[in-house]
Protein backbone atom coordinates (compact mmCIF):
# COMPACT_ATOMS: atom_id res chain seq x y z
CA UNK A 1 46.88 114.53 -122.12
CA UNK A 2 47.98 117.57 -120.13
CA UNK A 3 50.83 117.48 -117.53
CA UNK A 4 48.77 118.97 -114.68
CA UNK A 5 49.78 119.39 -111.03
CA UNK A 6 49.56 115.66 -110.23
CA UNK A 7 52.13 115.77 -107.40
CA UNK A 8 49.50 117.15 -105.08
CA UNK A 9 47.80 113.75 -104.93
CA UNK A 10 50.53 111.98 -102.69
CA UNK A 11 50.23 114.89 -100.24
CA UNK A 12 46.53 114.21 -99.80
CA UNK A 13 47.12 110.50 -99.48
CA UNK A 14 49.83 111.24 -96.84
CA UNK A 15 47.44 113.44 -94.94
CA UNK A 16 44.72 110.81 -95.06
CA UNK A 17 47.08 108.17 -93.84
CA UNK A 18 48.16 110.44 -90.95
CA UNK A 19 44.56 111.04 -90.10
CA UNK A 20 43.78 107.33 -90.04
CA UNK A 21 46.76 106.55 -87.83
CA UNK A 22 45.64 109.35 -85.49
CA UNK A 23 42.09 107.88 -85.30
CA UNK A 24 43.39 104.46 -84.63
CA UNK A 25 45.70 105.72 -81.76
CA UNK A 26 42.80 107.65 -80.23
CA UNK A 27 40.56 104.65 -80.56
CA UNK A 28 43.16 102.44 -78.88
CA UNK A 29 43.72 104.93 -76.04
CA UNK A 30 40.02 104.98 -75.33
CA UNK A 31 39.24 101.33 -75.78
CA UNK A 32 37.78 98.86 -73.38
CA UNK A 33 40.66 96.52 -73.95
CA UNK A 34 43.21 99.05 -72.79
CA UNK A 35 41.11 99.79 -69.74
CA UNK A 36 40.87 96.14 -68.80
CA UNK A 37 44.54 95.58 -69.42
CA UNK A 38 45.54 98.53 -67.16
CA UNK A 39 43.24 97.31 -64.32
CA UNK A 40 44.75 93.82 -64.57
CA UNK A 41 48.22 95.25 -64.40
CA UNK A 42 47.20 97.23 -61.36
CA UNK A 43 45.72 94.07 -59.73
CA UNK A 44 49.05 92.27 -60.39
CA UNK A 45 51.09 95.19 -58.86
CA UNK A 46 48.85 95.26 -55.79
CA UNK A 47 49.23 91.45 -55.49
CA UNK A 48 53.07 91.54 -55.67
CA UNK A 49 53.33 94.68 -53.53
CA UNK A 50 51.17 92.97 -50.82
CA UNK A 51 53.44 89.89 -50.84
CA UNK A 52 56.64 92.05 -50.59
CA UNK A 53 55.32 93.64 -47.38
CA UNK A 54 56.50 90.41 -45.70
CA UNK A 55 60.06 91.48 -46.43
CA UNK A 56 60.07 95.14 -47.15
CA UNK A 57 58.68 98.28 -45.35
CA UNK A 58 55.41 99.75 -46.53
CA UNK A 59 57.30 102.84 -47.67
CA UNK A 60 59.76 100.74 -49.88
CA UNK A 61 56.88 98.72 -51.31
CA UNK A 62 55.13 102.14 -52.13
CA UNK A 63 58.26 103.56 -53.84
CA UNK A 64 59.14 100.30 -55.68
CA UNK A 65 55.67 99.41 -57.07
CA UNK A 66 53.44 102.37 -56.98
CA UNK A 67 55.77 105.47 -57.34
CA UNK A 68 58.02 104.00 -60.04
CA UNK A 69 57.85 103.90 -63.87
CA UNK A 70 59.29 100.43 -64.08
CA UNK A 71 59.73 97.56 -61.66
CA UNK A 72 61.21 94.07 -61.74
CA UNK A 73 59.61 91.53 -59.47
CA UNK A 74 61.68 88.50 -58.47
CA UNK A 75 60.14 85.05 -58.02
CA UNK A 76 62.91 82.73 -57.11
CA UNK A 77 65.29 82.70 -60.13
CA UNK A 78 62.53 84.27 -62.29
CA UNK A 79 62.56 88.07 -62.83
CA UNK A 80 59.37 89.62 -64.13
CA UNK A 81 59.54 93.03 -65.68
CA UNK A 82 56.47 95.20 -65.11
CA UNK A 83 55.38 98.79 -65.56
CA UNK A 84 55.09 100.68 -62.28
CA UNK A 85 51.80 102.21 -61.16
CA UNK A 86 52.87 105.63 -62.23
CA UNK A 87 52.57 104.94 -66.07
CA UNK A 88 49.64 102.61 -65.48
CA UNK A 89 47.57 105.20 -63.65
CA UNK A 90 48.65 107.90 -66.14
CA UNK A 91 47.43 105.75 -69.09
CA UNK A 92 44.27 104.94 -67.14
CA UNK A 93 43.50 108.62 -66.79
CA UNK A 94 44.03 109.18 -70.46
CA UNK A 95 41.74 106.23 -71.24
CA UNK A 96 39.04 107.65 -69.09
CA UNK A 97 39.29 110.94 -70.68
CA UNK A 98 39.35 109.75 -74.28
CA UNK A 99 37.02 106.71 -74.00
CA UNK A 100 34.86 107.72 -71.13
CA UNK A 101 34.35 111.38 -71.74
CA UNK A 102 35.44 112.59 -75.21
CA UNK A 103 34.49 109.66 -77.35
CA UNK A 104 31.39 108.62 -75.33
CA UNK A 105 28.10 109.25 -77.01
CA UNK A 106 26.46 112.23 -75.35
CA UNK A 107 22.86 111.00 -74.82
CA UNK A 108 20.31 111.25 -72.14
CA UNK A 109 20.82 107.58 -71.27
CA UNK A 110 24.64 107.88 -70.76
CA UNK A 111 24.52 110.93 -68.46
CA UNK A 112 25.04 108.71 -65.37
CA UNK A 113 28.00 106.84 -66.87
CA UNK A 114 29.63 110.21 -67.87
CA UNK A 115 29.18 111.59 -64.30
CA UNK A 116 30.74 108.41 -62.79
CA UNK A 117 33.77 108.74 -65.11
CA UNK A 118 34.23 112.29 -64.08
CA UNK A 119 34.16 111.28 -60.51
CA UNK A 120 36.81 108.68 -61.09
CA UNK A 121 38.92 111.34 -62.86
CA UNK A 122 38.52 113.58 -59.92
CA UNK A 123 39.66 110.83 -57.57
CA UNK A 124 42.82 110.19 -59.66
CA UNK A 125 43.55 113.99 -59.87
CA UNK A 126 43.16 114.26 -56.06
CA UNK A 127 45.53 111.32 -55.46
CA UNK A 128 48.09 112.92 -57.78
CA UNK A 129 47.93 116.23 -55.98
CA UNK A 130 48.38 114.52 -52.61
CA UNK A 131 51.38 112.60 -53.92
CA UNK A 132 52.95 115.68 -55.35
CA UNK A 133 52.19 118.41 -52.81
CA UNK A 134 51.30 116.89 -49.46
CA UNK A 135 53.49 116.88 -46.23
CA UNK A 136 52.96 114.12 -43.69
CA UNK A 137 54.62 113.80 -40.27
CA UNK A 138 53.98 113.77 -36.55
CA UNK A 139 54.23 115.94 -33.50
CA UNK A 140 54.76 114.57 -29.95
CA UNK A 141 53.96 116.72 -26.83
CA UNK A 142 53.99 116.36 -23.15
CA UNK A 143 51.32 118.01 -21.13
CA UNK A 144 52.09 121.73 -20.95
CA UNK A 145 54.43 121.57 -23.91
CA UNK A 146 53.68 123.54 -27.15
CA UNK A 147 55.20 123.46 -30.64
CA UNK A 148 54.63 124.87 -34.20
CA UNK A 149 56.68 122.12 -35.94
CA UNK A 150 56.08 118.60 -37.12
CA UNK A 151 58.65 116.09 -38.36
CA UNK A 152 58.66 113.64 -41.19
CA UNK A 153 58.20 109.96 -40.55
CA UNK A 154 61.13 108.70 -42.59
CA UNK A 155 62.88 111.60 -44.49
CA UNK A 156 66.08 113.13 -43.05
CA UNK A 157 68.05 116.22 -43.78
CA UNK A 158 71.35 117.68 -42.79
CA UNK A 159 71.28 121.08 -41.20
CA UNK A 160 74.31 123.53 -40.78
CA UNK A 161 73.30 126.04 -38.15
CA UNK A 162 75.21 129.21 -37.44
CA UNK A 163 74.83 130.60 -33.97
CA UNK A 164 74.87 134.38 -33.62
CA UNK A 165 75.33 136.60 -30.58
CA UNK A 166 72.13 136.71 -28.47
CA UNK A 167 71.22 133.06 -29.30
CA UNK A 168 69.78 133.73 -32.80
CA UNK A 169 70.59 131.14 -35.53
CA UNK A 170 70.63 130.90 -39.20
CA UNK A 171 70.00 127.39 -40.74
CA UNK A 172 71.33 126.01 -44.01
CA UNK A 173 69.41 122.81 -45.05
CA UNK A 174 70.83 120.16 -47.26
CA UNK A 175 67.94 118.89 -49.52
CA UNK A 176 66.50 115.62 -48.10
CA UNK A 177 65.64 114.29 -51.55
CA UNK A 178 69.23 114.37 -52.65
CA UNK A 179 70.32 112.64 -49.49
CA UNK A 180 67.73 109.96 -49.91
CA UNK A 181 68.94 109.17 -53.43
CA UNK A 182 72.63 108.69 -52.33
CA UNK A 183 74.15 105.23 -52.47
CA UNK A 184 76.82 104.22 -49.95
CA UNK A 185 79.62 104.70 -52.62
CA UNK A 186 78.38 108.19 -53.69
CA UNK A 187 79.72 111.44 -52.60
CA UNK A 188 77.70 114.64 -52.68
CA UNK A 189 79.08 118.14 -52.32
CA UNK A 190 76.93 121.10 -51.04
CA UNK A 191 77.88 124.70 -51.30
CA UNK A 192 76.54 128.06 -50.11
CA UNK A 193 77.91 131.47 -50.69
CA UNK A 194 77.03 132.27 -47.07
CA UNK A 195 79.07 129.39 -45.67
CA UNK A 196 83.01 129.54 -45.36
CA UNK A 197 83.17 125.94 -46.40
CA UNK A 198 81.51 123.24 -48.62
CA UNK A 199 79.72 120.24 -46.95
CA UNK A 200 80.77 116.89 -48.31
CA UNK A 201 78.55 113.88 -47.60
CA UNK A 202 79.73 110.24 -48.22
CA UNK A 203 79.21 106.73 -46.85
CA UNK A 204 75.35 107.37 -46.50
CA UNK A 205 73.35 104.50 -45.31
CA UNK A 206 69.58 104.26 -44.62
CA UNK A 207 70.08 102.39 -41.37
CA UNK A 208 73.33 101.99 -39.41
CA UNK A 209 74.82 101.31 -36.01
CA UNK A 210 78.19 102.57 -34.63
CA UNK A 211 81.01 100.33 -33.84
CA UNK A 212 84.64 100.62 -32.66
CA UNK A 213 86.97 100.33 -35.70
CA UNK A 214 89.71 101.89 -37.69
CA UNK A 215 90.05 102.60 -41.45
CA UNK A 216 89.59 105.40 -43.90
CA UNK A 217 85.95 105.92 -43.09
CA UNK A 218 86.51 105.92 -39.28
CA UNK A 219 86.47 109.07 -37.11
CA UNK A 220 88.00 109.04 -33.67
CA UNK A 221 88.02 105.20 -33.69
CA UNK A 222 84.31 104.87 -34.62
CA UNK A 223 82.59 104.01 -37.91
CA UNK A 224 79.13 103.04 -39.02
CA UNK A 225 78.11 99.45 -39.81
CA UNK A 226 75.14 99.26 -42.26
CA UNK A 227 72.11 97.31 -41.11
CA UNK A 228 69.20 95.89 -42.97
CA UNK A 229 66.34 98.53 -43.30
CA UNK A 230 63.61 98.07 -40.80
CA UNK A 231 60.14 96.89 -41.86
CA UNK A 232 58.82 100.05 -40.21
CA UNK A 233 60.71 102.71 -42.17
CA UNK A 234 60.31 105.34 -39.47
CA UNK A 235 62.60 103.30 -37.24
CA UNK A 236 65.58 103.56 -39.53
CA UNK A 237 68.50 105.50 -38.19
CA UNK A 238 70.63 106.67 -41.03
CA UNK A 239 74.23 107.70 -40.92
CA UNK A 240 76.85 109.30 -42.99
CA UNK A 241 80.46 110.61 -43.01
CA UNK A 242 80.20 114.40 -43.26
CA UNK A 243 83.30 116.66 -43.98
CA UNK A 244 83.78 120.38 -44.17
CA UNK A 245 86.05 121.19 -47.15
CA UNK A 246 87.53 124.32 -48.69
CA UNK A 247 85.30 126.39 -51.13
CA UNK A 248 85.43 125.59 -54.76
CA UNK A 249 86.66 121.97 -54.59
CA UNK A 250 89.05 122.31 -51.69
CA UNK A 251 90.18 119.32 -49.53
CA UNK A 252 88.28 118.25 -46.36
CA UNK A 253 89.76 119.82 -43.35
CA UNK A 254 87.28 118.64 -40.66
CA UNK A 255 84.86 115.67 -40.60
CA UNK A 256 82.58 113.77 -38.33
CA UNK A 257 80.06 110.96 -38.24
CA UNK A 258 76.43 111.90 -38.13
CA UNK A 259 73.86 109.50 -36.85
CA UNK A 260 70.07 109.74 -36.63
CA UNK A 261 70.18 108.82 -32.99
CA UNK A 262 72.55 111.63 -31.95
CA UNK A 263 70.87 113.92 -29.59
CA UNK A 264 73.51 116.72 -29.96
CA UNK A 265 74.88 118.32 -33.04
CA UNK A 266 78.55 118.41 -34.09
CA UNK A 267 80.05 121.83 -33.31
CA UNK A 268 82.63 123.51 -35.54
CA UNK A 269 84.28 126.82 -35.16
CA UNK A 270 85.91 128.60 -38.04
CA UNK A 271 86.97 132.25 -38.48
CA UNK A 272 85.32 133.25 -35.20
CA UNK A 273 82.06 131.82 -36.28
CA UNK A 274 80.26 128.91 -34.55
CA UNK A 275 78.52 126.29 -36.66
CA UNK A 276 76.39 123.14 -35.63
CA UNK A 277 75.97 120.33 -38.01
CA UNK A 278 73.06 118.04 -37.32
CA UNK A 279 71.21 115.09 -38.93
CA UNK A 280 67.57 115.26 -38.22
CA UNK A 281 64.22 114.31 -39.71
CA UNK A 282 62.76 116.84 -42.19
CA UNK A 283 60.59 119.42 -40.40
CA UNK A 284 57.86 121.76 -41.37
CA UNK A 285 56.40 124.75 -39.56
CA UNK A 286 52.64 125.22 -38.84
CA UNK A 287 51.07 128.67 -39.20
CA UNK A 288 49.85 128.24 -35.68
CA UNK A 289 51.08 126.85 -32.32
CA UNK A 290 49.66 123.83 -30.53
CA UNK A 291 49.77 123.41 -26.73
CA UNK A 292 48.87 120.12 -25.09
CA UNK A 293 46.79 121.12 -22.07
CA UNK A 294 45.60 117.72 -21.03
CA UNK A 295 45.88 114.01 -22.27
CA UNK A 296 43.08 111.69 -21.32
CA UNK A 297 43.44 107.90 -21.50
CA UNK A 298 40.88 105.25 -20.51
CA UNK A 299 42.02 101.52 -20.21
CA UNK A 300 39.89 98.39 -20.64
CA UNK A 301 38.81 97.08 -17.31
CA UNK A 302 41.43 94.83 -15.69
CA UNK A 303 44.07 95.22 -18.29
CA UNK A 304 46.50 97.99 -19.34
CA UNK A 305 45.31 98.22 -23.00
CA UNK A 306 43.96 101.68 -23.86
CA UNK A 307 40.21 101.73 -24.65
CA UNK A 308 40.17 105.38 -25.82
CA UNK A 309 42.46 108.22 -25.56
CA UNK A 310 42.26 111.91 -26.53
CA UNK A 311 43.92 115.36 -26.18
CA UNK A 312 42.65 118.68 -25.13
CA UNK A 313 44.82 121.23 -26.88
CA UNK A 314 44.96 124.98 -27.36
CA UNK A 315 45.61 126.42 -30.91
CA UNK A 316 47.34 129.79 -30.80
CA UNK A 317 47.42 132.08 -33.83
CA UNK A 318 48.13 135.82 -33.93
CA UNK A 319 47.80 135.94 -30.21
CA UNK A 320 44.35 134.42 -30.24
CA UNK A 321 43.72 131.15 -28.36
CA UNK A 322 41.19 128.54 -29.39
CA UNK A 323 40.49 125.25 -27.50
CA UNK A 324 40.06 121.98 -29.36
CA UNK A 325 39.55 118.39 -28.41
CA UNK A 326 41.31 115.94 -30.60
CA UNK A 327 40.09 112.32 -30.64
CA UNK A 328 40.66 109.29 -32.92
CA UNK A 329 37.56 110.25 -35.11
CA UNK A 330 37.62 114.05 -34.56
CA UNK A 331 40.78 115.59 -35.92
CA UNK A 332 41.76 119.29 -35.67
CA UNK A 333 41.52 120.92 -39.13
CA UNK A 334 42.85 124.45 -39.62
CA UNK A 335 44.51 126.35 -42.61
CA UNK A 336 44.78 123.19 -44.75
CA UNK A 337 46.43 121.18 -41.87
CA UNK A 338 44.91 118.20 -40.15
CA UNK A 339 46.01 116.91 -36.81
CA UNK A 340 44.89 113.28 -35.90
CA UNK A 341 45.25 111.55 -32.55
CA UNK A 342 47.56 108.77 -33.48
CA UNK A 343 49.39 107.65 -30.37
CA UNK A 344 50.55 108.04 -26.85
CA UNK A 345 53.28 106.82 -24.60
CA UNK A 346 55.24 105.56 -22.99
CA UNK A 347 53.40 102.29 -22.94
CA UNK A 348 53.65 100.24 -19.72
CA UNK A 349 54.59 103.27 -17.64
CA UNK A 350 53.83 103.12 -13.93
CA UNK A 351 50.79 104.97 -12.71
CA UNK A 352 51.45 108.66 -12.32
CA UNK A 353 54.19 108.81 -14.91
CA UNK A 354 53.68 111.77 -17.22
CA UNK A 355 52.43 110.63 -20.67
CA UNK A 356 52.97 112.17 -24.06
CA UNK A 357 50.49 112.37 -26.93
CA UNK A 358 51.37 111.99 -30.59
CA UNK A 359 49.56 113.66 -33.42
CA UNK A 360 49.76 112.72 -37.07
CA UNK A 361 50.06 115.94 -38.98
CA UNK A 362 49.03 116.21 -42.75
CA UNK A 363 49.04 119.08 -45.03
CA UNK A 364 47.10 117.94 -48.19
CA UNK A 365 45.57 120.40 -50.61
CA UNK A 366 43.30 117.68 -51.83
CA UNK A 367 42.24 116.38 -48.41
CA UNK A 368 38.51 116.51 -49.14
CA UNK A 369 38.74 115.50 -52.86
CA UNK A 370 38.31 111.75 -52.32
CA UNK A 371 35.14 112.23 -50.33
CA UNK A 372 33.60 114.51 -52.98
CA UNK A 373 34.74 112.21 -55.81
CA UNK A 374 32.97 109.29 -54.11
CA UNK A 375 29.79 111.48 -54.03
CA UNK A 376 30.08 112.23 -57.71
CA UNK A 377 30.74 108.44 -58.57
CA UNK A 378 27.69 107.47 -56.40
CA UNK A 379 25.44 110.05 -58.06
CA UNK A 380 26.46 108.85 -61.58
CA UNK A 381 25.78 105.21 -60.66
CA UNK A 382 22.43 106.14 -59.01
CA UNK A 383 21.38 108.01 -62.16
CA UNK A 384 22.42 105.21 -64.42
CA UNK A 385 21.22 102.13 -62.60
CA UNK A 386 18.21 103.65 -60.64
CA UNK A 387 16.88 106.46 -62.74
CA UNK A 388 17.46 104.82 -66.12
CA UNK A 389 17.81 101.08 -65.76
CA UNK A 390 15.38 100.45 -62.80
CA UNK A 391 12.72 102.98 -63.76
CA UNK A 392 12.81 101.84 -67.34
CA UNK A 393 12.50 98.23 -66.26
CA UNK A 394 9.49 99.06 -64.10
CA UNK A 395 7.88 101.06 -67.07
CA UNK A 396 8.55 98.16 -69.46
CA UNK A 397 7.12 95.57 -67.07
CA UNK A 398 4.02 97.73 -66.56
CA UNK A 399 3.52 98.02 -70.30
CA UNK A 400 3.97 94.18 -70.73
CA UNK A 401 1.43 93.45 -68.06
CA UNK A 402 -1.01 96.05 -69.51
CA UNK A 403 -0.54 94.43 -72.93
CA UNK A 404 -1.03 91.01 -71.52
CA UNK A 405 -4.27 92.05 -69.76
CA UNK A 406 -5.64 93.63 -72.92
CA UNK A 407 -4.98 90.43 -74.91
CA UNK A 408 -6.75 88.44 -72.29
């Protein structure tokens, strides 16, 4: 016998094993069993999340169950670990791509199912884009008022504003996401080369009320007492202890308490420069200005409950005015922004009292994606069940009856 190059055989075997493992992984990712399991987990998350709305705000439920990678649901003394909706939906998208598109047999009869799967993938992609890139808030105007800003429902930011001669101002914004992630025992330091101090934030609470007290965290005899977060997250009034410290890790030389209900900023002067420090809701600027010309409200006969209400507004852009009528079912859409008529006030006001109009403002790059995704899904289901299933059933029944008539 000859001593040939026998060591090459194990390499071939290893490659075959690797290929077998890869095929099994792909088969598992595209399997019906995985799809059903993922849908059941989503059902459980939706059920638990719905129950939790009795104790938590809708925002907290959304973050805990649907924007997380992992969640623990407590039932009495029992803690149930579950994957969050983020990995579940990610795996579901992979399952649809592998099992419903790549591995599906491409035949005339499966065209409808393939189109429906593509529609579901489009719906998931649109939801992901909305979660990642959309801005949502509101704008409130009295008649005659105008604005080009809208504010977040529940996200807050700290702004350091420097006033210049002539009324001009430069704003330095502390990132809202970093503030929202702070725990009460955490301390965060923010620095900018254009500021003569660092901003130190501590004792951050999502919802507080001021009280008279002393102690290390008190300022001028006041401190914040934490309160349980409201079920309507937009009603939370956060608070924090904010200090101005020397650059590069220096000690705090001035401090104050910032509260979400404060109407005026804290003013600090240093080196002949005037600074205003304010806690406010996150704001975004529209590429156009909206003026409320007239607000119309019609009540139900005999009671003060509004039957319908709407706003006549003027949209101004580049010096050009355009009139619009915003109602509950007819929003204003322009440049990727949508303004919905969402509220009014003050409720219970005496006749003749000036009313304000509130608009929900949304910037969502995938605003129309769900509508078109539903069209694609409906088309796929129509092709599959009507064109193939129903038409084939009619043809098959016709042939059966014709055969029965011939036999007779």
